[in-house]
Amino acid sequence: MIHVPERVEAIRSRVAAEMKSVSDLEALVKDPYIRGQLQQVRNWLDDIEAFFLESLSREARTPEEESTWLSHAEMTLHLAARQRKSIQDLVAKYGPNITSIG
């Protein structure tokens, strides 16, 4: 049982928006390293759905446990969004033909 479905839906909505932003960046950037960083962001976003949110339907939790679990999902979302924003800022500054060195 999900105790706060609106919180879960808000997380899902934010994940969907982040996935769209990642897809948009993937369409622009060709550099293998930066694409790898975008793949890492995509993996974190996938984990939010597959690991954090899906388990809410399968496993019983108290409201407090659910709140803690969703806080972990939101932290993962924050990390993914921060990494995506960092890449987006680099693309905005240097253009889509940005090339990593090293």
C-alpha atoms as a PDB file:
ATOM      1  CA  MET A   1       0.000   0.000   0.000  1.00  0.00           C
ATOM      2  CA  ILE A   2       1.289   3.425  -0.932  1.00  0.00           C
ATOM      3  CA  HIS A   3       0.490   5.911   1.817  1.00  0.00           C
ATOM      4  CA  VAL A   4       1.190   9.113  -0.113  1.00  0.00           C
ATOM      5  CA  PRO A   5       0.441   8.434  -3.801  1.00  0.00           C
ATOM      6  CA  GLU A   6       0.696  12.122  -4.728  1.00  0.00           C
ATOM      7  CA  ARG A   7       4.337  12.154  -3.581  1.00  0.00           C
ATOM      8  CA  VAL A   8       5.062   9.092  -5.708  1.00  0.00           C
ATOM      9  CA  GLU A   9       3.364  10.684  -8.718  1.00  0.00           C
ATOM     10  CA  ALA A  10       5.329  13.905  -8.203  1.00  0.00           C
ATOM     11  CA  ILE A  11       8.569  11.916  -8.245  1.00  0.00           C
ATOM     12  CA  ARG A  12       7.467  10.043 -11.374  1.00  0.00           C
ATOM     13  CA  SER A  13       6.616  13.309 -13.075  1.00  0.00           C
ATOM     14  CA  ARG A  14      10.015  14.782 -12.247  1.00  0.00           C
ATOM     15  CA  VAL A  15      11.756  11.610 -13.450  1.00  0.00           C
ATOM     16  CA  ALA A  16       9.866  11.810 -16.757  1.00  0.00           C
ATOM     17  CA  ALA A  17      10.909  15.450 -17.211  1.00  0.00           C
ATOM     18  CA  GLU A  18      14.544  14.588 -16.454  1.00  0.00           C
ATOM     19  CA  MET A  19      14.440  11.672 -18.905  1.00  0.00           C
ATOM     20  CA  LYS A  20      13.174  14.038 -21.598  1.00  0.00           C
ATOM     21  CA  SER A  21      16.032  16.445 -20.878  1.00  0.00           C
ATOM     22  CA  VAL A  22      18.556  13.590 -21.022  1.00  0.00           C
ATOM     23  CA  SER A  23      17.127  12.429 -24.355  1.00  0.00           C
ATOM     24  CA  ASP A  24      17.350  15.970 -25.723  1.00  0.00           C
ATOM     25  CA  LEU A  25      21.004  16.206 -24.663  1.00  0.00           C
ATOM     26  CA  GLU A  26      21.789  12.762 -26.085  1.00  0.00           C
ATOM     27  CA  ALA A  27      20.431  13.940 -29.431  1.00  0.00           C
ATOM     28  CA  LEU A  28      22.886  16.868 -29.391  1.00  0.00           C
ATOM     29  CA  VAL A  29      26.104  15.543 -27.867  1.00  0.00           C
ATOM     30  CA  LYS A  30      28.422  13.136 -29.666  1.00  0.00           C
ATOM     31  CA  ASP A  31      31.387  13.068 -27.264  1.00  0.00           C
ATOM     32  CA  PRO A  32      31.697   9.519 -25.836  1.00  0.00           C
ATOM     33  CA  TYR A  33      32.645  10.636 -22.319  1.00  0.00           C
ATOM     34  CA  ILE A  34      29.783  13.088 -22.021  1.00  0.00           C
ATOM     35  CA  ARG A  35      27.374  10.521 -23.487  1.00  0.00           C
ATOM     36  CA  GLY A  36      28.626   8.112 -20.824  1.00  0.00           C
ATOM     37  CA  GLN A  37      27.810  10.699 -18.174  1.00  0.00           C
ATOM     38  CA  LEU A  38      24.327  11.048 -19.653  1.00  0.00           C
ATOM     39  CA  GLN A  39      23.959   7.253 -19.532  1.00  0.00           C
ATOM     40  CA  GLN A  40      24.830   7.359 -15.830  1.00  0.00           C
ATOM     41  CA  VAL A  41      22.091   9.950 -15.285  1.00  0.00           C
ATOM     42  CA  ARG A  42      19.669   7.738 -17.224  1.00  0.00           C
ATOM     43  CA  ASN A  43      20.658   4.741 -15.053  1.00  0.00           C
ATOM     44  CA  TRP A  44      19.979   6.707 -11.849  1.00  0.00           C
ATOM     45  CA  LEU A  45      16.583   7.777 -13.186  1.00  0.00           C
ATOM     46  CA  ASP A  46      15.767   4.179 -14.158  1.00  0.00           C
ATOM     47  CA  ASP A  47      16.757   3.068 -10.652  1.00  0.00           C
ATOM     48  CA  ILE A  48      14.258   5.457  -9.123  1.00  0.00           C
ATOM     49  CA  GLU A  49      11.402   3.713 -10.910  1.00  0.00           C
ATOM     50  CA  ALA A  50      12.696   0.140 -10.907  1.00  0.00           C
ATOM     51  CA  PHE A  51      14.195   0.052  -7.414  1.00  0.00           C
ATOM     52  CA  PHE A  52      12.511   2.684  -5.261  1.00  0.00           C
ATOM     53  CA  LEU A  53       9.007   3.163  -6.649  1.00  0.00           C
ATOM     54  CA  GLU A  54       8.198  -0.341  -7.911  1.00  0.00           C
ATOM     55  CA  SER A  55       9.014  -1.872  -4.542  1.00  0.00           C
ATOM     56  CA  LEU A  56       6.379   0.309  -2.864  1.00  0.00           C
ATOM     57  CA  SER A  57       3.675  -1.744  -4.567  1.00  0.00           C
ATOM     58  CA  ARG A  58       5.250  -5.066  -3.599  1.00  0.00           C
ATOM     59  CA  GLU A  59       6.449  -4.466  -0.031  1.00  0.00           C
ATOM     60  CA  ALA A  60       4.455  -3.273   2.951  1.00  0.00           C
ATOM     61  CA  ARG A  61       5.905  -0.255   4.735  1.00  0.00           C
ATOM     62  CA  THR A  62       4.765   1.966   7.541  1.00  0.00           C
ATOM     63  CA  PRO A  63       4.152   5.613   6.621  1.00  0.00           C
ATOM     64  CA  GLU A  64       7.488   6.498   8.261  1.00  0.00           C
ATOM     65  CA  GLU A  65       9.362   3.802   6.341  1.00  0.00           C
ATOM     66  CA  GLU A  66       7.747   4.907   3.114  1.00  0.00           C
ATOM     67  CA  SER A  67       8.698   8.506   3.791  1.00  0.00           C
ATOM     68  CA  THR A  68      12.323   7.533   4.331  1.00  0.00           C
ATOM     69  CA  TRP A  69      12.274   5.343   1.196  1.00  0.00           C
ATOM     70  CA  LEU A  70      10.853   8.173  -0.892  1.00  0.00           C
ATOM     71  CA  SER A  71      13.437  10.568   0.545  1.00  0.00           C
ATOM     72  CA  HIS A  72      16.127   8.255  -0.826  1.00  0.00           C
ATOM     73  CA  ALA A  73      14.387   8.266  -4.215  1.00  0.00           C
ATOM     74  CA  GLU A  74      14.256  12.069  -4.140  1.00  0.00           C
ATOM     75  CA  MET A  75      17.952  12.264  -3.228  1.00  0.00           C
ATOM     76  CA  THR A  76      18.803  10.036  -6.185  1.00  0.00           C
ATOM     77  CA  LEU A  77      16.623  12.262  -8.374  1.00  0.00           C
ATOM     78  CA  HIS A  78      18.432  15.339  -7.058  1.00  0.00           C
ATOM     79  CA  LEU A  79      21.836  13.812  -7.896  1.00  0.00           C
ATOM     80  CA  ALA A  80      20.665  12.856 -11.387  1.00  0.00           C
ATOM     81  CA  ALA A  81      19.181  16.310 -12.014  1.00  0.00           C
ATOM     82  CA  ARG A  82      22.342  18.031 -10.786  1.00  0.00           C
ATOM     83  CA  GLN A  83      24.531  15.938 -13.090  1.00  0.00           C
ATOM     84  CA  ARG A  84      22.184  16.520 -16.043  1.00  0.00           C
ATOM     85  CA  LYS A  85      22.171  20.271 -15.330  1.00  0.00           C
ATOM     86  CA  SER A  86      25.965  20.315 -15.218  1.00  0.00           C
ATOM     87  CA  ILE A  87      26.113  18.670 -18.647  1.00  0.00           C
ATOM     88  CA  GLN A  88      23.407  20.970 -19.973  1.00  0.00           C
ATOM     89  CA  ASP A  89      25.384  23.996 -18.772  1.00  0.00           C
ATOM     90  CA  LEU A  90      28.520  22.724 -20.534  1.00  0.00           C
ATOM     91  CA  VAL A  91      26.590  22.251 -23.775  1.00  0.00           C
ATOM     92  CA  ALA A  92      25.092  25.729 -23.436  1.00  0.00           C
ATOM     93  CA  LYS A  93      28.543  27.231 -22.852  1.00  0.00           C
ATOM     94  CA  TYR A  94      30.595  25.277 -25.410  1.00  0.00           C
ATOM     95  CA  GLY A  95      27.990  24.062 -27.880  1.00  0.00           C
ATOM     96  CA  PRO A  96      26.866  20.581 -28.886  1.00  0.00           C
ATOM     97  CA  ASN A  97      30.259  19.772 -30.413  1.00  0.00           C
ATOM     98  CA  ILE A  98      31.893  19.923 -26.995  1.00  0.00           C
ATOM     99  CA  THR A  99      34.799  17.487 -26.690  1.00  0.00           C
ATOM    100  CA  SER A 100      36.209  16.063 -23.486  1.00  0.00           C
ATOM    101  CA  ILE A 101      39.959  15.963 -23.027  1.00  0.00           C
ATOM    102  CA  GLY A 102      41.757  13.048 -21.483  1.00  0.00           C
END
